[in-house]
Amino acid sequence: MLKIILRYFNSFSGLSKEVWWLALITLINRAGAMVIPFLSLYLTDDLAFSLQQVGWIMTSYGLGSFLGAWLGGKLSDKIGYYKVILTSLLLTGISFIAIQYFTSFWSICIGFFILIAIADMARPAFFVALSAYSKPENKTRSLTFIRLAINLGFSLGPALGGIIIASIGYYGLFWVDGITCIIAAIVMTQTLHPKKAKILDKEIVIKNPIKAHSDGLYILFLITLAIFGFIFVQYFSTIPLYYKEIHHLSEEKIGLLLALNGALIFFFEMPLIAYLEKSKVTKIGNVINGFILTGVSFMLLLITPWAGILVIGMIIATLGEMVAFPFGNAFALERSKKGRQGAYMALYSMAFSVAHIFGHNSGMQLINNFGYENSWIFMSLIAALGIFLLYIVKQKLNKEKQSFKNS
């Protein structure tokens, strides 16, 4: 047991102080992100919107995310990641507090579009900051550490969110979300300094880097990630509805089930990534394995009506997430060229924004028109398509490396 504990803590060794502060800022921010997991329930239960309306609200959410990611990448390359993150956190906090007072369909659509655009400006900026504050050899573990903070926050968030909803109602979530974003901004001003990055970042600057949108292999990789995201976002829109409507779980139980995802990641992701980094499996190979596990989690929902399968499915989906996301992030950072990192990571973030644009709405329309079982079959087939495309990426990458060796 002692060896296991020591191995767990050793997986954190070597990370810079700035990465630890960045993780704390992320934890504070994400612990307050209680609205998002309960958004579909809030819109249907509290505001009495139909599934079709919820689908279109989620689409506006995705469009805002797409715009925010693009804008964040542009601004990160022009004014720097520090100013982008700080501004995003402050304005997001104010927006969360304000949006609780929007109740009409169009005001909700416009409100969430603006809120998420502001919030997701920080996404590519966080990746650039992480690359700057992290030593090259620690980038994958640093990415995993930030994900650990994110998921610990998401683990605490839904659990506390369910209690808040049961105690004082949904409006309490908006206040907590807003205040924690502002607190995260204050912590950032006290702990991080952009000039420190120049000391830590020892990577060679590549002259005349290729533009991100001209990197064909990278674009194909992002298409597969968008497909993966299309499936994964169901865990934050249609899956909570499935838990409630089919298995009749309360908000508290739904919150705990969603919290299981974050808890598993907190305890197991860092040691798992440290182990996988030492294996012979490539980054793309690990993304493929994660994709397979996530697809299987949907297939399990078709097997039995037994409620225990929900826990098993969540565990397998979380394993898929733990394997796919860190190595997908690491591949994107590795592929990015110095001087274009903002553009590369903006496209990376935009791939998931596309998933939000189409995933939530499509999922809502599918369950509304064809039911949950047919929707899970569709998700499984989409997963198979994504896995096939990732194999193509892997083959192209091998040819590219071989061509580089021969040149």
Protein backbone atom coordinates (compact mmCIF):
# COMPACT_ATOMS: atom_id res chain seq x y z
CA MET A 1 0.00 0.00 0.00
CA LEU A 2 2.85 2.39 0.89
CA LYS A 3 4.47 1.76 -2.49
CA ILE A 4 1.20 2.60 -4.26
CA ILE A 5 0.87 5.85 -2.28
CA LEU A 6 4.51 6.79 -2.98
CA ARG A 7 4.08 6.01 -6.67
CA TYR A 8 1.00 8.23 -6.76
CA PHE A 9 2.84 11.19 -5.24
CA ASN A 10 5.94 10.57 -7.38
CA SER A 11 3.79 11.09 -10.48
CA PHE A 12 3.57 14.78 -9.44
CA SER A 13 7.32 15.27 -9.02
CA GLY A 14 9.19 17.69 -11.26
CA LEU A 15 6.23 19.94 -12.05
CA SER A 16 6.99 23.65 -11.82
CA LYS A 17 5.56 25.89 -9.09
CA GLU A 18 3.68 27.87 -11.73
CA VAL A 19 1.92 24.74 -12.97
CA TRP A 20 0.77 24.07 -9.41
CA TRP A 21 -0.66 27.61 -9.16
CA LEU A 22 -2.30 27.24 -12.56
CA ALA A 23 -3.89 24.01 -11.33
CA LEU A 24 -5.19 25.75 -8.19
CA ILE A 25 -6.73 28.56 -10.27
CA THR A 26 -8.36 25.95 -12.49
CA LEU A 27 -9.65 24.02 -9.45
CA ILE A 28 -11.27 27.12 -7.93
CA ASN A 29 -12.83 28.02 -11.27
CA ARG A 30 -14.12 24.54 -12.10
CA ALA A 31 -15.35 23.76 -8.57
CA GLY A 32 -17.80 26.58 -9.13
CA ALA A 33 -18.87 25.31 -12.55
CA MET A 34 -22.05 23.79 -11.18
CA VAL A 35 -24.48 25.17 -13.74
CA ILE A 36 -23.14 23.25 -16.74
CA PRO A 37 -23.83 19.62 -15.60
CA PHE A 38 -27.32 20.64 -14.50
CA LEU A 39 -28.05 22.97 -17.42
CA SER A 40 -30.38 20.61 -19.30
CA LEU A 41 -32.29 19.90 -16.07
CA TYR A 42 -32.47 23.61 -15.21
CA LEU A 43 -33.85 24.47 -18.64
CA THR A 44 -36.48 21.70 -18.62
CA ASP A 45 -37.49 21.70 -14.93
CA ASP A 46 -37.11 25.29 -13.81
CA LEU A 47 -37.80 27.17 -17.06
CA ALA A 48 -40.08 24.52 -18.63
CA PHE A 49 -38.41 24.55 -22.06
CA SER A 50 -39.06 21.68 -24.47
CA LEU A 51 -36.30 19.29 -25.53
CA GLN A 52 -36.18 20.99 -28.95
CA GLN A 53 -35.69 24.39 -27.30
CA VAL A 54 -33.02 22.98 -24.98
CA GLY A 55 -31.25 21.56 -28.04
CA TRP A 56 -31.13 25.00 -29.69
CA ILE A 57 -29.94 26.64 -26.47
CA MET A 58 -27.14 24.09 -26.34
CA THR A 59 -26.33 24.96 -29.96
CA SER A 60 -26.01 28.65 -29.04
CA TYR A 61 -23.76 27.46 -26.20
CA GLY A 62 -21.59 25.64 -28.75
CA LEU A 63 -21.50 28.61 -31.15
CA GLY A 64 -20.36 30.83 -28.30
CA SER A 65 -17.68 28.30 -27.42
CA PHE A 66 -16.51 28.23 -31.05
CA LEU A 67 -16.24 32.02 -31.23
CA GLY A 68 -14.56 32.23 -27.83
CA ALA A 69 -11.92 29.61 -28.72
CA TRP A 70 -11.08 31.37 -32.00
CA LEU A 71 -10.92 34.78 -30.35
CA GLY A 72 -8.88 33.44 -27.43
CA GLY A 73 -6.30 31.95 -29.79
CA LYS A 74 -6.00 35.19 -31.76
CA LEU A 75 -5.66 37.31 -28.63
CA SER A 76 -3.17 34.90 -27.02
CA ASP A 77 -0.79 35.33 -29.97
CA LYS A 78 -1.29 39.14 -29.99
CA ILE A 79 -1.60 40.35 -26.37
CA GLY A 80 -0.52 37.25 -24.44
CA TYR A 81 -2.24 34.43 -22.59
CA TYR A 82 -2.08 36.17 -19.17
CA LYS A 83 -4.33 39.09 -20.08
CA VAL A 84 -6.72 36.78 -21.94
CA ILE A 85 -7.17 34.40 -18.98
CA LEU A 86 -7.53 37.18 -16.42
CA THR A 87 -10.09 39.12 -18.47
CA SER A 88 -12.03 35.94 -19.25
CA LEU A 89 -12.28 34.91 -15.58
CA LEU A 90 -13.50 38.32 -14.41
CA LEU A 91 -16.08 38.80 -17.17
CA THR A 92 -17.28 35.19 -16.89
CA GLY A 93 -17.94 35.70 -13.18
CA ILE A 94 -20.06 38.77 -13.86
CA SER A 95 -21.90 37.00 -16.71
CA PHE A 96 -22.82 33.97 -14.59
CA ILE A 97 -24.40 36.19 -11.95
CA ALA A 98 -26.31 38.17 -14.59
CA ILE A 99 -27.65 35.28 -16.70
CA GLN A 100 -29.84 33.87 -13.92
CA TYR A 101 -32.21 36.78 -14.58
CA PHE A 102 -32.73 35.75 -18.23
CA THR A 103 -35.83 33.58 -18.58
CA SER A 104 -37.13 33.88 -22.16
CA PHE A 105 -35.96 31.51 -24.88
CA TRP A 106 -34.13 34.10 -27.00
CA SER A 107 -32.58 35.89 -24.03
CA ILE A 108 -31.25 32.55 -22.77
CA CYS A 109 -29.84 31.71 -26.23
CA ILE A 110 -28.11 35.08 -26.57
CA GLY A 111 -27.04 35.13 -22.92
CA PHE A 112 -25.36 31.72 -23.00
CA PHE A 113 -23.78 32.52 -26.37
CA ILE A 114 -22.08 35.58 -24.89
CA LEU A 115 -21.24 33.90 -21.55
CA ILE A 116 -19.57 30.87 -23.10
CA ALA A 117 -17.77 32.99 -25.72
CA ILE A 118 -16.20 34.97 -22.87
CA ALA A 119 -15.48 31.86 -20.78
CA ASP A 120 -13.91 29.85 -23.62
CA MET A 121 -11.59 32.65 -24.64
CA ALA A 122 -9.44 31.29 -21.81
CA ARG A 123 -9.24 27.73 -23.17
CA PRO A 124 -6.48 28.16 -25.79
CA ALA A 125 -4.82 30.72 -23.49
CA PHE A 126 -4.61 28.11 -20.72
CA PHE A 127 -2.91 25.67 -23.11
CA VAL A 128 -0.37 28.31 -24.15
CA ALA A 129 0.22 29.24 -20.49
CA LEU A 130 0.74 25.60 -19.59
CA SER A 131 3.24 25.18 -22.42
CA ALA A 132 5.09 28.29 -21.25
CA TYR A 133 5.19 27.40 -17.54
CA SER A 134 5.99 23.70 -18.05
CA LYS A 135 9.33 22.13 -18.91
CA PRO A 136 9.22 20.29 -22.29
CA GLU A 137 9.74 16.85 -20.72
CA ASN A 138 6.84 17.41 -18.30
CA LYS A 139 4.20 18.68 -20.72
CA THR A 140 2.00 15.55 -20.82
CA ARG A 141 2.05 15.19 -17.03
CA SER A 142 1.44 18.94 -16.64
CA LEU A 143 -1.56 18.68 -18.95
CA THR A 144 -2.79 15.71 -16.95
CA PHE A 145 -2.31 17.62 -13.70
CA ILE A 146 -4.42 20.52 -14.98
CA ARG A 147 -7.07 18.00 -16.08
CA LEU A 148 -6.93 16.53 -12.59
CA ALA A 149 -7.69 19.97 -11.16
CA ILE A 150 -10.50 20.44 -13.68
CA ASN A 151 -12.07 17.10 -12.86
CA LEU A 152 -11.62 17.47 -9.12
CA GLY A 153 -13.52 20.72 -9.53
CA PHE A 154 -16.18 18.98 -11.61
CA SER A 155 -16.32 16.24 -8.98
CA LEU A 156 -16.97 18.74 -6.20
CA GLY A 157 -19.21 20.91 -8.36
CA PRO A 158 -22.01 18.45 -9.22
CA ALA A 159 -22.07 17.00 -5.71
CA LEU A 160 -22.37 20.46 -4.14
CA GLY A 161 -24.65 21.57 -6.97
CA GLY A 162 -27.18 18.85 -6.23
CA ILE A 163 -27.24 19.92 -2.58
CA ILE A 164 -27.63 23.60 -3.51
CA ILE A 165 -30.52 22.84 -5.88
CA ALA A 166 -32.29 20.78 -3.22
CA SER A 167 -31.72 23.45 -0.57
CA ILE A 168 -32.21 26.85 -2.21
CA GLY A 169 -32.88 26.21 -5.90
CA TYR A 170 -31.05 26.62 -9.20
CA TYR A 171 -30.36 30.34 -8.78
CA GLY A 172 -27.77 29.52 -6.10
CA LEU A 173 -25.63 27.79 -8.73
CA PHE A 174 -25.27 30.98 -10.78
CA TRP A 175 -24.08 32.97 -7.77
CA VAL A 176 -21.51 30.33 -6.80
CA ASP A 177 -20.27 30.03 -10.40
CA GLY A 178 -19.85 33.79 -10.71
CA ILE A 179 -18.12 34.32 -7.38
CA THR A 180 -15.65 31.43 -7.89
CA CYS A 181 -14.62 32.78 -11.31
CA ILE A 182 -13.83 36.15 -9.74
CA ILE A 183 -11.91 34.45 -6.89
CA ALA A 184 -9.88 32.49 -9.46
CA ALA A 185 -8.96 35.77 -11.19
CA ILE A 186 -7.83 37.30 -7.88
CA VAL A 187 -5.68 34.24 -7.07
CA MET A 188 -4.08 34.48 -10.53
CA THR A 189 -3.01 38.10 -10.02
CA GLN A 190 -1.34 37.13 -6.75
CA THR A 191 0.47 33.97 -7.85
CA LEU A 192 1.41 33.98 -11.56
CA HIS A 193 3.59 36.34 -13.54
CA PRO A 194 3.91 36.16 -17.36
CA LYS A 195 7.65 37.01 -17.36
CA LYS A 196 8.42 33.83 -15.41
CA ALA A 197 7.50 31.82 -18.51
CA LYS A 198 10.52 33.13 -20.41
CA ILE A 199 12.80 31.47 -17.86
CA LEU A 200 11.03 28.09 -17.94
CA ASP A 201 10.37 27.74 -21.66
CA LYS A 202 13.58 26.28 -23.13
CA GLU A 203 12.12 24.87 -26.34
CA ILE A 204 13.68 25.81 -29.67
CA VAL A 205 11.75 28.42 -31.62
CA ILE A 206 10.98 27.19 -35.15
CA LYS A 207 11.49 29.76 -37.87
CA ASN A 208 8.66 30.32 -40.34
CA PRO A 209 6.24 27.82 -38.77
CA ILE A 210 3.44 26.48 -40.94
CA LYS A 211 -0.01 27.86 -40.34
CA ALA A 212 -2.28 25.67 -38.24
CA HIS A 213 -5.07 25.46 -40.83
CA SER A 214 -2.53 24.32 -43.46
CA ASP A 215 -1.47 21.26 -41.44
CA GLY A 216 -3.64 18.58 -43.08
CA LEU A 217 -2.78 15.79 -40.65
CA TYR A 218 -3.56 18.04 -37.70
CA ILE A 219 -6.91 19.04 -39.21
CA LEU A 220 -7.86 15.37 -39.69
CA PHE A 221 -6.88 14.72 -36.09
CA LEU A 222 -9.12 17.57 -34.98
CA ILE A 223 -12.03 16.16 -36.98
CA THR A 224 -11.71 12.90 -35.03
CA LEU A 225 -11.58 14.87 -31.78
CA ALA A 226 -14.75 16.73 -32.77
CA ILE A 227 -16.43 13.34 -33.29
CA PHE A 228 -15.13 12.17 -29.92
CA GLY A 229 -16.42 15.38 -28.34
CA PHE A 230 -19.80 14.91 -30.07
CA ILE A 231 -20.18 11.65 -28.16
CA PHE A 232 -18.62 12.78 -24.90
CA VAL A 233 -20.81 15.89 -24.45
CA GLN A 234 -23.82 13.59 -24.12
CA TYR A 235 -22.65 13.00 -20.55
CA PHE A 236 -23.51 16.65 -19.85
CA SER A 237 -26.83 16.89 -21.69
CA THR A 238 -28.73 13.73 -22.70
CA ILE A 239 -27.18 11.33 -20.17
CA PRO A 240 -28.41 13.32 -17.10
CA LEU A 241 -31.90 13.33 -18.65
CA TYR A 242 -31.59 9.56 -19.21
CA TYR A 243 -30.67 9.11 -15.56
CA LYS A 244 -33.75 11.05 -14.47
CA GLU A 245 -36.41 10.02 -17.00
CA ILE A 246 -35.56 6.34 -17.46
CA HIS A 247 -33.91 5.42 -14.16
CA HIS A 248 -35.75 8.04 -12.05
CA LEU A 249 -32.66 9.29 -10.22
CA SER A 250 -32.89 12.45 -8.11
CA GLU A 251 -30.68 15.50 -8.72
CA GLU A 252 -28.57 14.52 -5.71
CA LYS A 253 -27.93 11.02 -7.10
CA ILE A 254 -27.26 12.40 -10.57
CA GLY A 255 -24.76 14.81 -9.02
CA LEU A 256 -23.02 11.98 -7.19
CA LEU A 257 -22.88 9.83 -10.33
CA LEU A 258 -21.34 12.71 -12.28
CA ALA A 259 -18.99 13.34 -9.36
CA LEU A 260 -17.74 9.73 -9.69
CA ASN A 261 -16.17 10.79 -12.98
CA GLY A 262 -14.08 13.47 -11.30
CA ALA A 263 -13.21 11.31 -8.31
CA LEU A 264 -11.84 8.50 -10.49
CA ILE A 265 -9.77 10.98 -12.46
CA PHE A 266 -8.41 12.56 -9.28
CA PHE A 267 -7.17 9.26 -7.84
CA PHE A 268 -6.11 7.35 -10.94
CA GLU A 269 -5.34 9.60 -13.93
CA MET A 270 -1.86 10.86 -12.95
CA PRO A 271 -0.49 7.37 -12.10
CA LEU A 272 -2.17 5.95 -15.23
CA ILE A 273 -0.60 8.60 -17.48
CA ALA A 274 2.80 8.17 -15.82
CA TYR A 275 2.54 4.43 -16.56
CA LEU A 276 1.31 4.85 -20.14
CA GLU A 277 4.07 7.36 -20.92
CA LYS A 278 6.59 4.60 -20.24
CA SER A 279 4.78 2.13 -22.52
CA LYS A 280 5.41 1.75 -26.25
CA VAL A 281 1.92 2.94 -27.15
CA THR A 282 2.00 6.22 -29.10
CA LYS A 283 -0.02 9.30 -28.22
CA ILE A 284 -2.42 8.61 -31.09
CA GLY A 285 -2.62 4.96 -30.05
CA ASN A 286 -3.74 6.02 -26.58
CA VAL A 287 -6.34 8.37 -28.05
CA ILE A 288 -7.70 5.43 -30.07
CA ASN A 289 -7.89 3.24 -26.96
CA GLY A 290 -9.73 5.98 -25.08
CA PHE A 291 -12.16 6.42 -27.95
CA ILE A 292 -12.93 2.68 -27.92
CA LEU A 293 -13.67 2.70 -24.19
CA THR A 294 -16.01 5.69 -24.49
CA GLY A 295 -17.90 4.03 -27.34
CA VAL A 296 -18.27 0.85 -25.27
CA SER A 297 -19.79 2.87 -22.39
CA PHE A 298 -22.77 3.73 -24.61
CA MET A 299 -23.16 0.15 -25.83
CA LEU A 300 -23.44 -0.99 -22.20
CA LEU A 301 -26.57 1.11 -21.76
CA LEU A 302 -28.27 -1.10 -24.36
CA ILE A 303 -27.58 -4.37 -22.54
CA THR A 304 -29.71 -4.19 -19.41
CA PRO A 305 -32.13 -1.87 -17.55
CA TRP A 306 -30.24 -2.66 -14.32
CA ALA A 307 -29.34 0.66 -12.66
CA GLY A 308 -25.88 -0.64 -11.73
CA ILE A 309 -24.89 -0.50 -15.38
CA LEU A 310 -24.93 3.30 -15.07
CA VAL A 311 -22.04 3.12 -12.61
CA ILE A 312 -20.13 0.64 -14.78
CA GLY A 313 -20.76 2.76 -17.86
CA MET A 314 -19.51 5.89 -16.08
CA ILE A 315 -16.35 4.07 -14.96
CA ILE A 316 -15.57 2.86 -18.50
CA ALA A 317 -16.35 6.28 -20.02
CA THR A 318 -14.06 7.88 -17.44
CA LEU A 319 -11.25 5.46 -18.32
CA GLY A 320 -11.72 6.43 -21.95
CA GLU A 321 -11.56 10.10 -21.03
CA MET A 322 -8.46 9.59 -18.85
CA VAL A 323 -6.59 7.94 -21.71
CA ALA A 324 -7.80 10.00 -24.68
CA PHE A 325 -7.79 13.60 -23.46
CA PRO A 326 -4.28 13.96 -21.97
CA PHE A 327 -2.59 12.34 -24.95
CA GLY A 328 -4.81 14.23 -27.39
CA ASN A 329 -3.81 17.48 -25.66
CA ALA A 330 -0.16 16.47 -25.66
CA PHE A 331 -0.23 15.60 -29.37
CA ALA A 332 -1.78 18.99 -30.19
CA LEU A 333 0.88 20.86 -28.18
CA GLU A 334 3.63 18.75 -29.72
CA ARG A 335 2.28 19.46 -33.18
CA SER A 336 2.00 23.19 -32.57
CA LYS A 337 4.82 25.42 -33.75
CA LYS A 338 6.33 28.18 -31.66
CA GLY A 339 4.84 31.51 -32.60
CA ARG A 340 1.64 29.79 -33.74
CA GLN A 341 0.68 28.05 -30.52
CA GLY A 342 -2.34 30.26 -30.00
CA ALA A 343 -3.65 29.40 -33.47
CA TYR A 344 -3.00 25.67 -33.03
CA MET A 345 -4.60 25.48 -29.61
CA ALA A 346 -7.49 27.68 -30.77
CA LEU A 347 -8.26 25.10 -33.47
CA TYR A 348 -7.95 22.36 -30.86
CA SER A 349 -10.46 24.13 -28.61
CA MET A 350 -12.71 24.90 -31.59
CA ALA A 351 -12.92 21.18 -32.39
CA PHE A 352 -14.68 20.66 -29.07
CA SER A 353 -16.77 23.77 -29.67
CA VAL A 354 -18.05 22.11 -32.85
CA ALA A 355 -18.94 19.12 -30.70
CA HIS A 356 -20.95 21.40 -28.42
CA ILE A 357 -22.68 23.05 -31.41
CA PHE A 358 -23.89 19.78 -32.90
CA GLY A 359 -23.61 17.25 -30.07
CA HIS A 360 -26.08 18.63 -27.53
CA ASN A 361 -28.72 19.62 -30.07
CA SER A 362 -28.43 16.40 -32.07
CA GLY A 363 -28.61 14.35 -28.88
CA MET A 364 -31.76 16.16 -27.77
CA GLN A 365 -33.40 15.77 -31.18
CA LEU A 366 -32.44 12.09 -31.33
CA ILE A 367 -33.92 11.17 -27.96
CA ASN A 368 -37.01 13.28 -28.68
CA ASN A 369 -37.67 11.61 -32.05
CA PHE A 370 -36.17 8.13 -31.72
CA GLY A 371 -35.81 7.43 -28.01
CA TYR A 372 -32.80 6.75 -25.82
CA GLU A 373 -31.88 3.27 -27.08
CA ASN A 374 -31.69 4.31 -30.73
CA SER A 375 -29.67 7.35 -29.68
CA TRP A 376 -27.11 5.14 -27.91
CA ILE A 377 -26.87 2.93 -31.02
CA PHE A 378 -26.20 6.03 -33.11
CA MET A 379 -23.48 7.19 -30.69
CA SER A 380 -21.82 3.78 -30.88
CA LEU A 381 -21.74 3.95 -34.69
CA ILE A 382 -20.32 7.47 -34.61
CA ALA A 383 -17.62 6.20 -32.23
CA ALA A 384 -16.70 3.49 -34.75
CA LEU A 385 -16.31 6.15 -37.46
CA GLY A 386 -14.05 8.24 -35.23
CA ILE A 387 -11.86 5.25 -34.38
CA PHE A 388 -11.49 4.44 -38.10
CA LEU A 389 -10.39 8.02 -38.87
CA LEU A 390 -7.88 7.94 -36.01
CA TYR A 391 -6.28 4.85 -37.54
CA ILE A 392 -5.86 6.85 -40.75
CA VAL A 393 -4.21 9.64 -38.73
CA LYS A 394 -1.88 7.08 -37.17
CA GLN A 395 -0.87 5.69 -40.57
CA LYS A 396 -0.28 9.17 -42.01
CA LEU A 397 1.80 10.11 -38.99
CA ASN A 398 3.97 7.00 -39.42
CA LYS A 399 4.53 7.86 -43.09
CA GLU A 400 5.39 11.44 -42.16
CA LYS A 401 7.98 10.28 -39.61
CA GLN A 402 9.44 7.81 -42.09
CA SER A 403 9.69 10.52 -44.74
CA PHE A 404 11.41 12.83 -42.24
CA LYS A 405 13.99 10.12 -41.42
CA ASN A 406 14.74 9.53 -45.09
CA SER A 407 15.17 13.23 -45.86
